[in-house]
Amino acid sequence: MRIRVRAIGAMLGALLSAVSAAAVPTLVIDSTNLGGGIWQYDLTLVNDGGSEPLSGLNLVNAYSIFGLDDTSTITAPAGWDYFAPLPPTVDELNWFSLSAASDIDVGDSLGGFSFESTTDPGAVNFNTLEADAIGGTSSEQIPLVITPEPATGLLVAVALAAQAIRRRRQS
């Protein structure tokens, strides 16, 4: 029993090390049902990878997926502002830092990006949702990993551990 626990612990440690070694900036998306068919989406940009601060966040399909436009309720964290989508020409929602002091340093995160939409999160295919960050020093677009809820990484690790235990018991 003790050997199995150590093996599982080692496996989980290796998995978490591999995930953190390949870390890239992540966009964590949470949603709240406000009632009346309105959902609030709260976004947190996590700069847990890369080599530079982040000074922008682009939600590429903001109009086509969420129906956002210049009349939508959109908020930005302190020190940031945004450009709303202008359909049919501009589909993106762009948040940007107003100064280098408001950029998100490597290893930090920033919440407070939000918008309201009539799009139910259950209808959103997060695999087709595109977002990128803007590098604070290079101004390059940096693709983001999109995580629809904060606990996804932990759930994957637990599922892999459970699968490993089942295989060991079967053999």
Protein backbone atom coordinates (compact mmCIF):
# COMPACT_ATOMS: atom_id res chain seq x y z
CA MET A 1 0.00 0.00 0.00
CA ARG A 2 2.77 2.44 0.92
CA ILE A 3 4.59 1.74 -2.35
CA ARG A 4 1.43 2.46 -4.36
CA VAL A 5 0.87 5.77 -2.56
CA ARG A 6 4.49 6.78 -3.22
CA ALA A 7 4.17 5.80 -6.89
CA ILE A 8 0.98 7.80 -7.28
CA GLY A 9 2.54 10.77 -5.48
CA ALA A 10 5.59 10.60 -7.74
CA MET A 11 3.38 10.36 -10.81
CA LEU A 12 1.29 13.37 -9.75
CA GLY A 13 4.45 15.32 -8.95
CA ALA A 14 5.88 14.54 -12.40
CA LEU A 15 2.61 15.53 -14.05
CA LEU A 16 2.43 18.83 -12.20
CA SER A 17 6.10 19.54 -12.96
CA ALA A 18 5.50 18.90 -16.66
CA VAL A 19 2.49 21.19 -16.65
CA SER A 20 4.33 24.01 -14.89
CA ALA A 21 7.43 23.60 -17.07
CA ALA A 22 5.31 24.07 -20.19
CA ALA A 23 3.33 26.91 -18.63
CA VAL A 24 2.03 29.62 -20.91
CA PRO A 25 -0.23 32.53 -20.08
CA THR A 26 -3.73 31.34 -19.22
CA LEU A 27 -7.14 32.95 -19.42
CA VAL A 28 -9.45 31.66 -16.68
CA ILE A 29 -13.15 32.21 -17.42
CA ASP A 30 -15.90 32.00 -14.82
CA SER A 31 -19.58 32.74 -15.37
CA THR A 32 -22.52 33.74 -13.19
CA ASN A 33 -26.19 33.53 -14.10
CA LEU A 34 -27.60 37.00 -13.39
CA GLY A 35 -31.14 35.88 -14.25
CA GLY A 36 -33.38 36.97 -17.08
CA GLY A 37 -31.19 35.20 -19.64
CA ILE A 38 -28.12 37.34 -18.79
CA TRP A 39 -24.76 35.84 -17.89
CA GLN A 40 -21.76 37.64 -16.45
CA TYR A 41 -18.40 36.35 -17.60
CA ASP A 42 -15.43 37.13 -15.33
CA LEU A 43 -11.96 36.68 -16.78
CA THR A 44 -8.59 36.44 -15.05
CA LEU A 45 -5.38 36.68 -17.05
CA VAL A 46 -2.64 34.56 -15.48
CA ASN A 47 0.91 35.27 -16.67
CA ASP A 48 2.43 32.02 -15.45
CA GLY A 49 4.70 31.55 -18.42
CA GLY A 50 6.58 33.53 -20.96
CA SER A 51 9.32 36.04 -20.57
CA GLU A 52 7.62 39.41 -20.45
CA PRO A 53 4.79 41.34 -18.77
CA LEU A 54 1.39 41.36 -20.48
CA SER A 55 -0.18 44.65 -21.52
CA GLY A 56 -3.23 43.51 -23.47
CA LEU A 57 -5.95 40.87 -23.73
CA ASN A 58 -7.86 40.16 -26.94
CA LEU A 59 -11.03 38.06 -27.02
CA VAL A 60 -11.03 37.33 -30.75
CA ASN A 61 -14.65 36.19 -31.34
CA ALA A 62 -16.41 38.45 -28.83
CA TYR A 63 -19.26 39.43 -31.13
CA SER A 64 -19.74 36.16 -33.02
CA ILE A 65 -19.76 33.97 -29.86
CA PHE A 66 -21.05 36.31 -27.14
CA GLY A 67 -22.97 38.93 -29.13
CA LEU A 68 -20.92 41.79 -27.69
CA ASP A 69 -20.89 45.25 -29.25
CA ASP A 70 -20.36 48.87 -28.23
CA THR A 71 -23.63 48.86 -26.21
CA SER A 72 -22.63 45.83 -24.09
CA THR A 73 -21.79 46.00 -20.39
CA ILE A 74 -18.01 45.54 -20.32
CA THR A 75 -15.60 46.33 -17.46
CA ALA A 76 -11.84 46.52 -17.16
CA PRO A 77 -9.58 46.32 -14.09
CA ALA A 78 -8.10 49.50 -12.63
CA GLY A 79 -5.36 50.83 -14.89
CA TRP A 80 -6.85 49.15 -17.97
CA ASP A 81 -9.43 50.13 -20.60
CA TYR A 82 -11.06 48.42 -23.59
CA PHE A 83 -12.27 48.71 -27.17
CA ALA A 84 -15.64 46.98 -27.65
CA PRO A 85 -16.41 44.97 -30.80
CA LEU A 86 -17.94 46.97 -33.66
CA PRO A 87 -19.84 44.42 -35.74
CA PRO A 88 -19.85 43.49 -38.51
CA THR A 89 -16.33 44.81 -39.11
CA VAL A 90 -14.62 44.22 -35.74
CA ASP A 91 -15.36 40.96 -33.86
CA GLU A 92 -12.68 41.41 -31.14
CA LEU A 93 -12.95 42.77 -27.62
CA ASN A 94 -9.59 44.34 -26.74
CA TRP A 95 -8.51 45.23 -23.22
CA PHE A 96 -5.28 47.20 -22.84
CA SER A 97 -3.08 48.47 -20.03
CA LEU A 98 -2.94 52.25 -19.68
CA SER A 99 0.67 52.21 -18.43
CA ALA A 100 3.57 49.82 -17.88
CA ALA A 101 2.83 50.01 -14.13
CA SER A 102 -0.50 48.25 -14.81
CA ASP A 103 1.00 45.43 -16.90
CA ILE A 104 0.80 41.87 -15.56
CA ASP A 105 4.29 40.75 -14.57
CA VAL A 106 5.50 37.19 -15.15
CA GLY A 107 4.21 35.10 -12.25
CA ASP A 108 1.27 37.43 -11.53
CA SER A 109 -2.39 37.44 -12.51
CA LEU A 110 -5.08 40.06 -12.90
CA GLY A 111 -8.85 39.71 -12.66
CA GLY A 112 -11.53 42.32 -13.23
CA PHE A 113 -12.04 41.74 -16.95
CA SER A 114 -15.76 41.09 -17.39
CA PHE A 115 -18.76 41.40 -19.67
CA GLU A 116 -22.44 40.52 -19.72
CA SER A 117 -23.95 38.37 -22.46
CA THR A 118 -27.11 36.45 -23.31
CA THR A 119 -24.92 33.51 -24.39
CA ASP A 120 -25.32 30.59 -21.97
CA PRO A 121 -21.85 29.24 -21.02
CA GLY A 122 -23.16 25.72 -21.62
CA ALA A 123 -23.55 26.64 -25.30
CA VAL A 124 -19.97 27.93 -25.66
CA ASN A 125 -17.45 25.58 -27.25
CA PHE A 126 -14.34 26.69 -25.37
CA ASN A 127 -12.21 24.77 -27.91
CA THR A 128 -13.18 27.28 -30.61
CA LEU A 129 -12.86 30.36 -28.41
CA GLU A 130 -9.74 32.31 -29.35
CA ALA A 131 -7.88 34.74 -27.12
CA ASP A 132 -4.41 36.16 -26.99
CA ALA A 133 -2.37 38.43 -24.78
CA ILE A 134 -0.15 41.27 -25.90
CA GLY A 135 3.46 41.26 -24.74
CA GLY A 136 4.33 44.36 -22.74
CA THR A 137 7.80 44.75 -24.23
CA SER A 138 7.52 43.06 -27.63
CA SER A 139 3.90 44.03 -28.46
CA GLU A 140 3.56 40.54 -29.98
CA GLN A 141 0.37 38.51 -29.79
CA ILE A 142 0.80 35.57 -27.41
CA PRO A 143 -1.75 32.71 -27.73
CA LEU A 144 -3.48 31.87 -24.45
CA VAL A 145 -4.60 28.61 -22.92
CA ILE A 146 -8.29 29.06 -22.10
CA THR A 147 -9.56 27.42 -18.94
CA PRO A 148 -13.33 27.57 -18.41
CA GLU A 149 -13.03 27.02 -14.67
CA PRO A 150 -10.21 27.27 -12.15
CA ALA A 151 -10.29 23.61 -11.05
CA THR A 152 -9.71 22.00 -14.47
CA GLY A 153 -6.01 21.23 -13.90
CA LEU A 154 -6.73 19.56 -10.59
CA LEU A 155 -9.54 17.50 -12.10
CA VAL A 156 -7.25 16.25 -14.86
CA ALA A 157 -4.60 15.23 -12.32
CA VAL A 158 -7.16 13.37 -10.17
CA ALA A 159 -8.60 11.59 -13.23
CA LEU A 160 -5.13 10.48 -14.35
CA ALA A 161 -4.33 9.21 -10.85
CA ALA A 162 -7.62 7.28 -10.68
CA GLN A 163 -6.96 5.75 -14.08
CA ALA A 164 -3.47 4.67 -12.98
CA ILE A 165 -4.88 3.04 -9.83
CA ARG A 166 -7.47 1.11 -11.88
CA ARG A 167 -4.83 -0.16 -14.30
CA ARG A 168 -2.64 -1.33 -11.44
CA ARG A 169 -5.51 -3.22 -9.83
CA GLN A 170 -6.43 -4.89 -13.13
CA SER A 171 -2.89 -6.14 -13.77
